[in-house]
Amino acid sequence: GGTVTHNHAWVRDNVYSIMAVWGLAQAYKKNADLDEDRAKTYEL
């Protein structure tokens, strides 16, 4: 949603907001040290 009290979800804002989550998943995939890293990759 736009804010905690405002439930309007903009398409553009949502896609840009999730890019960091996807980027972080890619970084974990590249540097997975332990099984828990693979779990974090999957969650993200």
All heavy atoms as atom14 arrays in JSON, in Angstrom:
{
  "sequence": "GGTVTHNHAWVRDNVYSIMAVWGLAQAYKKNADLDEDRAKTYEL",
  "atom14_mask": [
    [1, 1, 1, 1, 0, 0, 0, 0, 0, 0, 0, 0, 0, 0],
    [1, 1, 1, 1, 0, 0, 0, 0, 0, 0, 0, 0, 0, 0],
    [1, 1, 1, 1, 1, 1, 1, 0, 0, 0, 0, 0, 0, 0],
    [1, 1, 1, 1, 1, 1, 1, 0, 0, 0, 0, 0, 0, 0],
    [1, 1, 1, 1, 1, 1, 1, 0, 0, 0, 0, 0, 0, 0],
    [1, 1, 1, 1, 1, 1, 1, 1, 1, 1, 0, 0, 0, 0],
    [1, 1, 1, 1, 1, 1, 1, 1, 0, 0, 0, 0, 0, 0],
    [1, 1, 1, 1, 1, 1, 1, 1, 1, 1, 0, 0, 0, 0],
    [1, 1, 1, 1, 1, 0, 0, 0, 0, 0, 0, 0, 0, 0],
    [1, 1, 1, 1, 1, 1, 1, 1, 1, 1, 1, 1, 1, 1],
    [1, 1, 1, 1, 1, 1, 1, 0, 0, 0, 0, 0, 0, 0],
    [1, 1, 1, 1, 1, 1, 1, 1, 1, 1, 1, 0, 0, 0],
    [1, 1, 1, 1, 1, 1, 1, 1, 0, 0, 0, 0, 0, 0],
    [1, 1, 1, 1, 1, 1, 1, 1, 0, 0, 0, 0, 0, 0],
    [1, 1, 1, 1, 1, 1, 1, 0, 0, 0, 0, 0, 0, 0],
    [1, 1, 1, 1, 1, 1, 1, 1, 1, 1, 1, 1, 0, 0],
    [1, 1, 1, 1, 1, 1, 0, 0, 0, 0, 0, 0, 0, 0],
    [1, 1, 1, 1, 1, 1, 1, 1, 0, 0, 0, 0, 0, 0],
    [1, 1, 1, 1, 1, 1, 1, 1, 0, 0, 0, 0, 0, 0],
    [1, 1, 1, 1, 1, 0, 0, 0, 0, 0, 0, 0, 0, 0],
    [1, 1, 1, 1, 1, 1, 1, 0, 0, 0, 0, 0, 0, 0],
    [1, 1, 1, 1, 1, 1, 1, 1, 1, 1, 1, 1, 1, 1],
    [1, 1, 1, 1, 0, 0, 0, 0, 0, 0, 0, 0, 0, 0],
    [1, 1, 1, 1, 1, 1, 1, 1, 0, 0, 0, 0, 0, 0],
    [1, 1, 1, 1, 1, 0, 0, 0, 0, 0, 0, 0, 0, 0],
    [1, 1, 1, 1, 1, 1, 1, 1, 1, 0, 0, 0, 0, 0],
    [1, 1, 1, 1, 1, 0, 0, 0, 0, 0, 0, 0, 0, 0],
    [1, 1, 1, 1, 1, 1, 1, 1, 1, 1, 1, 1, 0, 0],
    [1, 1, 1, 1, 1, 1, 1, 1, 1, 0, 0, 0, 0, 0],
    [1, 1, 1, 1, 1, 1, 1, 1, 1, 0, 0, 0, 0, 0],
    [1, 1, 1, 1, 1, 1, 1, 1, 0, 0, 0, 0, 0, 0],
    [1, 1, 1, 1, 1, 0, 0, 0, 0, 0, 0, 0, 0, 0],
    [1, 1, 1, 1, 1, 1, 1, 1, 0, 0, 0, 0, 0, 0],
    [1, 1, 1, 1, 1, 1, 1, 1, 0, 0, 0, 0, 0, 0],
    [1, 1, 1, 1, 1, 1, 1, 1, 0, 0, 0, 0, 0, 0],
    [1, 1, 1, 1, 1, 1, 1, 1, 1, 0, 0, 0, 0, 0],
    [1, 1, 1, 1, 1, 1, 1, 1, 0, 0, 0, 0, 0, 0],
    [1, 1, 1, 1, 1, 1, 1, 1, 1, 1, 1, 0, 0, 0],
    [1, 1, 1, 1, 1, 0, 0, 0, 0, 0, 0, 0, 0, 0],
    [1, 1, 1, 1, 1, 1, 1, 1, 1, 0, 0, 0, 0, 0],
    [1, 1, 1, 1, 1, 1, 1, 0, 0, 0, 0, 0, 0, 0],
    [1, 1, 1, 1, 1, 1, 1, 1, 1, 1, 1, 1, 0, 0],
    [1, 1, 1, 1, 1, 1, 1, 1, 1, 0, 0, 0, 0, 0],
    [1, 1, 1, 1, 1, 1, 1, 1, 0, 0, 0, 0, 0, 0]
  ],
  "atom14_positions": [
    [[0.84, -1.19, 0.0], [0.0, 0.0, 0.0], [0.88, 1.24, 0.0], [2.08, 1.18, 0.27], [0.0, 0.0, 0.0], [0.0, 0.0, 0.0], [0.0, 0.0, 0.0], [0.0, 0.0, 0.0], [0.0, 0.0, 0.0], [0.0, 0.0, 0.0], [0.0, 0.0, 0.0], [0.0, 0.0, 0.0], [0.0, 0.0, 0.0], [0.0, 0.0, 0.0]],
    [[0.28, 2.41, -0.3], [1.05, 3.65, -0.32], [1.68, 3.94, 1.02], [2.86, 4.26, 1.13], [0.0, 0.0, 0.0], [0.0, 0.0, 0.0], [0.0, 0.0, 0.0], [0.0, 0.0, 0.0], [0.0, 0.0, 0.0], [0.0, 0.0, 0.0], [0.0, 0.0, 0.0], [0.0, 0.0, 0.0], [0.0, 0.0, 0.0], [0.0, 0.0, 0.0]],
    [[0.87, 3.85, 2.09], [1.38, 4.01, 3.46], [0.61, 3.03, 4.34], [-0.24, 2.28, 3.85], [1.12, 5.44, 4.0], [-0.3, 5.68, 3.97], [1.82, 6.5, 3.17], [0.0, 0.0, 0.0], [0.0, 0.0, 0.0], [0.0, 0.0, 0.0], [0.0, 0.0, 0.0], [0.0, 0.0, 0.0], [0.0, 0.0, 0.0], [0.0, 0.0, 0.0]],
    [[0.89, 3.06, 5.64], [0.22, 2.13, 6.56], [-1.29, 2.34, 6.53], [-2.08, 1.39, 6.61], [0.76, 2.34, 8.0], [0.12, 1.36, 8.95], [2.27, 2.17, 8.01], [0.0, 0.0, 0.0], [0.0, 0.0, 0.0], [0.0, 0.0, 0.0], [0.0, 0.0, 0.0], [0.0, 0.0, 0.0], [0.0, 0.0, 0.0], [0.0, 0.0, 0.0]],
    [[-1.72, 3.61, 6.41], [-3.16, 3.9, 6.48], [-3.8, 4.0, 5.1], [-5.02, 4.07, 4.98], [-3.38, 5.25, 7.2], [-2.56, 6.24, 6.55], [-3.0, 5.16, 8.66], [0.0, 0.0, 0.0], [0.0, 0.0, 0.0], [0.0, 0.0, 0.0], [0.0, 0.0, 0.0], [0.0, 0.0, 0.0], [0.0, 0.0, 0.0], [0.0, 0.0, 0.0]],
    [[-2.99, 4.0, 4.06], [-3.47, 4.29, 2.71], [-3.25, 3.04, 1.86], [-2.12, 2.65, 1.62], [-2.62, 5.46, 2.19], [-3.1, 6.03, 0.89], [-4.34, 6.57, 0.73], [-2.49, 6.15, -0.32], [-4.48, 7.01, -0.52], [-3.37, 6.76, -1.17], [0.0, 0.0, 0.0], [0.0, 0.0, 0.0], [0.0, 0.0, 0.0], [0.0, 0.0, 0.0]],
    [[-4.34, 2.4, 1.41], [-4.15, 1.08, 0.78], [-4.08, 1.13, -0.74], [-4.3, 0.13, -1.41], [-5.26, 0.12, 1.23], [-6.61, 0.49, 0.63], [-6.77, 1.59, 0.12], [-7.56, -0.42, 0.67], [0.0, 0.0, 0.0], [0.0, 0.0, 0.0], [0.0, 0.0, 0.0], [0.0, 0.0, 0.0], [0.0, 0.0, 0.0], [0.0, 0.0, 0.0]],
    [[-3.77, 2.29, -1.32], [-3.63, 2.36, -2.78], [-2.25, 1.82, -3.18], [-1.23, 2.31, -2.72], [-3.77, 3.81, -3.28], [-5.16, 4.35, -3.12], [-5.6, 5.51, -3.72], [-6.23, 3.88, -2.41], [-6.87, 5.72, -3.39], [-7.26, 4.76, -2.6], [0.0, 0.0, 0.0], [0.0, 0.0, 0.0], [0.0, 0.0, 0.0], [0.0, 0.0, 0.0]],
    [[-2.26, 0.79, -4.03], [-1.0, 0.18, -4.47], [-0.75, 0.53, -5.93], [-1.44, 0.04, -6.82], [-1.07, -1.35, -4.3], [0.0, 0.0, 0.0], [0.0, 0.0, 0.0], [0.0, 0.0, 0.0], [0.0, 0.0, 0.0], [0.0, 0.0, 0.0], [0.0, 0.0, 0.0], [0.0, 0.0, 0.0], [0.0, 0.0, 0.0], [0.0, 0.0, 0.0]],
    [[0.23, 1.42, -6.16], [0.57, 1.82, -7.53], [1.4, 0.72, -8.2], [2.31, 0.16, -7.58], [1.39, 3.1, -7.51], [0.59, 4.36, -7.46], [0.26, 5.17, -8.52], [0.03, 5.01, -6.3], [-0.47, 6.26, -8.08], [-0.64, 6.18, -6.74], [0.02, 4.69, -4.94], [-1.29, 7.04, -5.86], [-0.64, 5.54, -4.07], [-1.28, 6.7, -4.53]],
    [[1.11, 0.43, -9.46], [1.85, -0.61, -10.19], [3.34, -0.26, -10.23], [4.21, -1.06, -9.89], [1.3, -0.77, -11.62], [2.16, -1.74, -12.43], [-0.15, -1.26, -11.58], [0.0, 0.0, 0.0], [0.0, 0.0, 0.0], [0.0, 0.0, 0.0], [0.0, 0.0, 0.0], [0.0, 0.0, 0.0], [0.0, 0.0, 0.0], [0.0, 0.0, 0.0]],
    [[3.64, 0.98, -10.63], [5.04, 1.39, -10.8], [5.79, 1.32, -9.47], [6.88, 0.76, -9.39], [5.07, 2.82, -11.35], [6.45, 3.39, -11.57], [6.39, 4.86, -11.93], [5.5, 5.12, -13.06], [4.24, 5.57, -12.92], [3.76, 5.83, -11.72], [3.49, 5.78, -13.97], [0.0, 0.0, 0.0], [0.0, 0.0, 0.0], [0.0, 0.0, 0.0]],
    [[5.21, 1.91, -8.43], [5.87, 1.92, -7.12], [6.12, 0.51, -6.6], [7.15, 0.22, -6.0], [5.03, 2.69, -6.1], [4.91, 4.17, -6.45], [4.65, 4.45, -7.63], [5.09, 5.02, -5.58], [0.0, 0.0, 0.0], [0.0, 0.0, 0.0], [0.0, 0.0, 0.0], [0.0, 0.0, 0.0], [0.0, 0.0, 0.0], [0.0, 0.0, 0.0]],
    [[5.14, -0.38, -6.83], [5.28, -1.75, -6.36], [6.43, -2.47, -7.06], [7.21, -3.18, -6.42], [3.97, -2.53, -6.55], [3.04, -2.41, -5.36], [2.88, -3.33, -4.58], [2.42, -1.24, -5.19], [0.0, 0.0, 0.0], [0.0, 0.0, 0.0], [0.0, 0.0, 0.0], [0.0, 0.0, 0.0], [0.0, 0.0, 0.0], [0.0, 0.0, 0.0]],
    [[6.53, -2.29, -8.38], [7.61, -2.96, -9.13], [8.97, -2.44, -8.69], [9.9, -3.2, -8.41], [7.42, -2.8, -10.65], [8.61, -3.4, -11.4], [6.13, -3.47, -11.11], [0.0, 0.0, 0.0], [0.0, 0.0, 0.0], [0.0, 0.0, 0.0], [0.0, 0.0, 0.0], [0.0, 0.0, 0.0], [0.0, 0.0, 0.0], [0.0, 0.0, 0.0]],
    [[9.1, -1.11, -8.58], [10.38, -0.54, -8.15], [10.72, -0.98, -6.72], [11.88, -1.25, -6.4], [10.36, 0.99, -8.23], [10.74, 1.54, -9.59], [9.91, 2.44, -10.27], [11.93, 1.15, -10.21], [10.27, 2.94, -11.52], [12.29, 1.65, -11.47], [11.45, 2.54, -12.1], [11.81, 3.04, -13.34], [0.0, 0.0, 0.0], [0.0, 0.0, 0.0]],
    [[9.7, -1.05, -5.86], [9.95, -1.4, -4.46], [10.48, -2.83, -4.31], [11.27, -3.11, -3.42], [8.67, -1.24, -3.62], [8.23, 0.09, -3.64], [0.0, 0.0, 0.0], [0.0, 0.0, 0.0], [0.0, 0.0, 0.0], [0.0, 0.0, 0.0], [0.0, 0.0, 0.0], [0.0, 0.0, 0.0], [0.0, 0.0, 0.0], [0.0, 0.0, 0.0]],
    [[10.02, -3.73, -5.19], [10.41, -5.14, -5.04], [11.78, -5.41, -5.68], [12.39, -6.46, -5.45], [9.34, -6.08, -5.63], [9.35, -7.46, -4.93], [9.5, -6.27, -7.13], [8.91, -7.46, -3.49], [0.0, 0.0, 0.0], [0.0, 0.0, 0.0], [0.0, 0.0, 0.0], [0.0, 0.0, 0.0], [0.0, 0.0, 0.0], [0.0, 0.0, 0.0]],
    [[12.29, -4.44, -6.46], [13.57, -4.68, -7.16], [14.72, -4.93, -6.18], [15.61, -5.75, -6.45], [13.91, -3.5, -8.07], [13.16, -3.53, -9.38], [13.63, -2.14, -10.41], [12.69, -2.48, -11.9], [0.0, 0.0, 0.0], [0.0, 0.0, 0.0], [0.0, 0.0, 0.0], [0.0, 0.0, 0.0], [0.0, 0.0, 0.0], [0.0, 0.0, 0.0]],
    [[14.72, -4.23, -5.04], [15.8, -4.43, -4.06], [15.72, -5.83, -3.47], [16.75, -6.45, -3.18], [15.7, -3.38, -2.95], [0.0, 0.0, 0.0], [0.0, 0.0, 0.0], [0.0, 0.0, 0.0], [0.0, 0.0, 0.0], [0.0, 0.0, 0.0], [0.0, 0.0, 0.0], [0.0, 0.0, 0.0], [0.0, 0.0, 0.0], [0.0, 0.0, 0.0]],
    [[14.5, -6.33, -3.28], [14.31, -7.67, -2.71], [14.86, -8.71, -3.69], [15.57, -9.64, -3.31], [12.8, -7.93, -2.43], [12.61, -9.28, -1.75], [12.22, -6.81, -1.57], [0.0, 0.0, 0.0], [0.0, 0.0, 0.0], [0.0, 0.0, 0.0], [0.0, 0.0, 0.0], [0.0, 0.0, 0.0], [0.0, 0.0, 0.0], [0.0, 0.0, 0.0]],
    [[14.54, -8.51, -4.97], [15.04, -9.43, -6.0], [16.56, -9.33, -6.12], [17.27, -10.34, -6.21], [14.36, -9.08, -7.34], [14.83, -9.91, -8.49], [14.94, -11.27, -8.55], [15.24, -9.42, -9.78], [15.4, -11.65, -9.8], [15.58, -10.53, -10.57], [15.34, -8.15, -10.34], [16.03, -10.42, -11.89], [15.78, -8.02, -11.66], [16.12, -9.16, -12.41]],
    [[17.08, -8.1, -6.08], [18.54, -7.91, -6.15], [19.26, -8.58, -5.0], [20.31, -9.21, -5.18], [0.0, 0.0, 0.0], [0.0, 0.0, 0.0], [0.0, 0.0, 0.0], [0.0, 0.0, 0.0], [0.0, 0.0, 0.0], [0.0, 0.0, 0.0], [0.0, 0.0, 0.0], [0.0, 0.0, 0.0], [0.0, 0.0, 0.0], [0.0, 0.0, 0.0]],
    [[18.66, -8.48, -3.8], [19.26, -9.11, -2.62], [19.23, -10.63, -2.75], [20.2, -11.33, -2.4], [18.52, -8.66, -1.36], [19.1, -9.14, -0.03], [20.53, -8.64, 0.16], [18.23, -8.65, 1.13], [0.0, 0.0, 0.0], [0.0, 0.0, 0.0], [0.0, 0.0, 0.0], [0.0, 0.0, 0.0], [0.0, 0.0, 0.0], [0.0, 0.0, 0.0]],
    [[18.13, -11.16, -3.29], [18.04, -12.62, -3.51], [19.13, -13.08, -4.47], [19.78, -14.11, -4.26], [16.65, -12.97, -4.08], [0.0, 0.0, 0.0], [0.0, 0.0, 0.0], [0.0, 0.0, 0.0], [0.0, 0.0, 0.0], [0.0, 0.0, 0.0], [0.0, 0.0, 0.0], [0.0, 0.0, 0.0], [0.0, 0.0, 0.0], [0.0, 0.0, 0.0]],
    [[19.38, -12.29, -5.52], [20.44, -12.62, -6.49], [21.81, -12.62, -5.81], [22.66, -13.46, -6.08], [20.44, -11.61, -7.64], [19.19, -11.63, -8.51], [19.09, -12.91, -9.32], [18.48, -13.89, -8.88], [19.68, -12.92, -10.5], [0.0, 0.0, 0.0], [0.0, 0.0, 0.0], [0.0, 0.0, 0.0], [0.0, 0.0, 0.0], [0.0, 0.0, 0.0]],
    [[22.02, -11.63, -4.92], [23.31, -11.53, -4.22], [23.51, -12.73, -3.29], [24.61, -13.29, -3.2], [23.37, -10.23, -3.42], [0.0, 0.0, 0.0], [0.0, 0.0, 0.0], [0.0, 0.0, 0.0], [0.0, 0.0, 0.0], [0.0, 0.0, 0.0], [0.0, 0.0, 0.0], [0.0, 0.0, 0.0], [0.0, 0.0, 0.0], [0.0, 0.0, 0.0]],
    [[22.44, -13.13, -2.59], [22.53, -14.31, -1.72], [22.83, -15.56, -2.54], [23.63, -16.43, -2.15], [21.21, -14.52, -0.95], [21.22, -13.94, 0.44], [20.32, -12.95, 0.8], [22.12, -14.39, 1.41], [20.3, -12.41, 2.09], [22.12, -13.87, 2.69], [21.21, -12.87, 3.02], [21.22, -12.36, 4.3], [0.0, 0.0, 0.0], [0.0, 0.0, 0.0]],
    [[22.19, -15.66, -3.7], [22.38, -16.84, -4.55], [23.85, -16.94, -4.99], [24.42, -18.02, -5.06], [21.47, -16.69, -5.79], [21.22, -17.98, -6.54], [20.47, -17.71, -7.82], [18.97, -17.82, -7.64], [18.25, -17.71, -8.92], [0.0, 0.0, 0.0], [0.0, 0.0, 0.0], [0.0, 0.0, 0.0], [0.0, 0.0, 0.0], [0.0, 0.0, 0.0]],
    [[24.45, -15.78, -5.23], [25.83, -15.75, -5.71], [26.82, -16.06, -4.6], [27.88, -16.63, -4.82], [26.08, -14.34, -6.28], [27.4, -14.17, -6.98], [27.5, -12.76, -7.54], [28.94, -12.46, -7.93], [29.15, -11.02, -8.17], [0.0, 0.0, 0.0], [0.0, 0.0, 0.0], [0.0, 0.0, 0.0], [0.0, 0.0, 0.0], [0.0, 0.0, 0.0]],
    [[26.48, -15.66, -3.36], [27.43, -15.78, -2.24], [26.98, -16.75, -1.15], [27.34, -16.57, 0.0], [27.65, -14.4, -1.59], [28.34, -13.43, -2.53], [29.45, -13.67, -2.95], [27.67, -12.35, -2.88], [0.0, 0.0, 0.0], [0.0, 0.0, 0.0], [0.0, 0.0, 0.0], [0.0, 0.0, 0.0], [0.0, 0.0, 0.0], [0.0, 0.0, 0.0]],
    [[26.12, -17.7, -1.52], [25.56, -18.58, -0.48], [26.66, -19.36, 0.24], [27.33, -20.22, -0.34], [24.55, -19.53, -1.11], [0.0, 0.0, 0.0], [0.0, 0.0, 0.0], [0.0, 0.0, 0.0], [0.0, 0.0, 0.0], [0.0, 0.0, 0.0], [0.0, 0.0, 0.0], [0.0, 0.0, 0.0], [0.0, 0.0, 0.0], [0.0, 0.0, 0.0]],
    [[26.87, -19.05, 1.54], [27.87, -19.74, 2.35], [27.28, -21.0, 2.98], [27.87, -22.07, 3.0], [28.31, -18.85, 3.53], [29.29, -17.78, 3.08], [29.78, -17.91, 1.96], [29.54, -16.85, 3.85], [0.0, 0.0, 0.0], [0.0, 0.0, 0.0], [0.0, 0.0, 0.0], [0.0, 0.0, 0.0], [0.0, 0.0, 0.0], [0.0, 0.0, 0.0]],
    [[26.08, -20.84, 3.52], [25.47, -21.89, 4.36], [24.08, -22.22, 3.83], [23.52, -21.51, 3.0], [25.33, -21.37, 5.81], [26.53, -20.64, 6.42], [26.13, -19.92, 7.69], [27.63, -21.66, 6.74], [0.0, 0.0, 0.0], [0.0, 0.0, 0.0], [0.0, 0.0, 0.0], [0.0, 0.0, 0.0], [0.0, 0.0, 0.0], [0.0, 0.0, 0.0]],
    [[23.52, -23.3, 4.39], [22.15, -23.67, 3.99], [21.16, -22.55, 4.31], [20.19, -22.34, 3.58], [21.71, -24.94, 4.73], [22.35, -26.17, 4.08], [22.9, -26.0, 2.98], [22.29, -27.26, 4.67], [0.0, 0.0, 0.0], [0.0, 0.0, 0.0], [0.0, 0.0, 0.0], [0.0, 0.0, 0.0], [0.0, 0.0, 0.0], [0.0, 0.0, 0.0]],
    [[21.42, -21.83, 5.42], [20.46, -20.78, 5.79], [20.46, -19.65, 4.75], [19.46, -18.97, 4.56], [20.74, -20.23, 7.19], [21.97, -19.35, 7.28], [22.17, -18.79, 8.69], [22.82, -19.47, 9.51], [21.68, -17.69, 8.94], [0.0, 0.0, 0.0], [0.0, 0.0, 0.0], [0.0, 0.0, 0.0], [0.0, 0.0, 0.0], [0.0, 0.0, 0.0]],
    [[21.6, -19.47, 4.04], [21.63, -18.48, 2.96], [20.71, -18.9, 1.82], [20.02, -18.07, 1.22], [23.05, -18.3, 2.41], [23.97, -17.63, 3.42], [23.44, -17.05, 4.38], [25.19, -17.69, 3.25], [0.0, 0.0, 0.0], [0.0, 0.0, 0.0], [0.0, 0.0, 0.0], [0.0, 0.0, 0.0], [0.0, 0.0, 0.0], [0.0, 0.0, 0.0]],
    [[20.72, -20.2, 1.54], [19.84, -20.69, 0.47], [18.38, -20.52, 0.89], [17.51, -20.2, 0.07], [20.15, -22.15, 0.15], [21.53, -22.3, -0.48], [21.9, -23.72, -0.88], [23.31, -23.77, -1.24], [24.29, -24.03, -0.36], [24.0, -24.28, 0.91], [25.55, -24.04, -0.75], [0.0, 0.0, 0.0], [0.0, 0.0, 0.0], [0.0, 0.0, 0.0]],
    [[18.12, -20.71, 2.17], [16.75, -20.53, 2.68], [16.33, -19.06, 2.53], [15.22, -18.75, 2.13], [16.67, -20.95, 4.14], [0.0, 0.0, 0.0], [0.0, 0.0, 0.0], [0.0, 0.0, 0.0], [0.0, 0.0, 0.0], [0.0, 0.0, 0.0], [0.0, 0.0, 0.0], [0.0, 0.0, 0.0], [0.0, 0.0, 0.0], [0.0, 0.0, 0.0]],
    [[17.27, -18.16, 2.85], [16.97, -16.72, 2.74], [16.73, -16.35, 1.27], [15.84, -15.55, 0.97], [18.12, -15.89, 3.31], [18.15, -15.89, 4.83], [19.41, -15.23, 5.35], [19.53, -15.39, 6.86], [20.87, -15.07, 7.35], [0.0, 0.0, 0.0], [0.0, 0.0, 0.0], [0.0, 0.0, 0.0], [0.0, 0.0, 0.0], [0.0, 0.0, 0.0]],
    [[17.54, -16.93, 0.37], [17.35, -16.68, -1.06], [15.92, -17.05, -1.45], [15.23, -16.28, -2.12], [18.33, -17.53, -1.91], [19.66, -17.27, -1.46], [18.23, -17.19, -3.38], [0.0, 0.0, 0.0], [0.0, 0.0, 0.0], [0.0, 0.0, 0.0], [0.0, 0.0, 0.0], [0.0, 0.0, 0.0], [0.0, 0.0, 0.0], [0.0, 0.0, 0.0]],
    [[15.51, -18.24, -1.01], [14.17, -18.74, -1.39], [13.07, -17.83, -0.83], [12.12, -17.47, -1.53], [13.99, -20.17, -0.89], [12.66, -20.77, -1.3], [12.47, -21.18, -2.62], [11.61, -20.88, -0.4], [11.25, -21.71, -3.02], [10.38, -21.41, -0.79], [10.21, -21.82, -2.1], [8.99, -22.32, -2.51], [0.0, 0.0, 0.0], [0.0, 0.0, 0.0]],
    [[13.22, -17.42, 0.44], [12.2, -16.54, 1.06], [12.07, -15.24, 0.29], [10.97, -14.77, 0.02], [12.6, -16.21, 2.51], [12.36, -17.32, 3.5], [13.07, -17.03, 4.83], [13.22, -15.84, 5.18], [13.47, -17.99, 5.51], [0.0, 0.0, 0.0], [0.0, 0.0, 0.0], [0.0, 0.0, 0.0], [0.0, 0.0, 0.0], [0.0, 0.0, 0.0]],
    [[13.21, -14.64, -0.03], [13.19, -13.36, -0.75], [12.58, -13.54, -2.14], [11.76, -12.73, -2.58], [14.61, -12.79, -0.86], [15.26, -12.34, 0.46], [16.76, -12.15, 0.28], [14.63, -11.04, 0.96], [0.0, 0.0, 0.0], [0.0, 0.0, 0.0], [0.0, 0.0, 0.0], [0.0, 0.0, 0.0], [0.0, 0.0, 0.0], [0.0, 0.0, 0.0]]
  ]
}
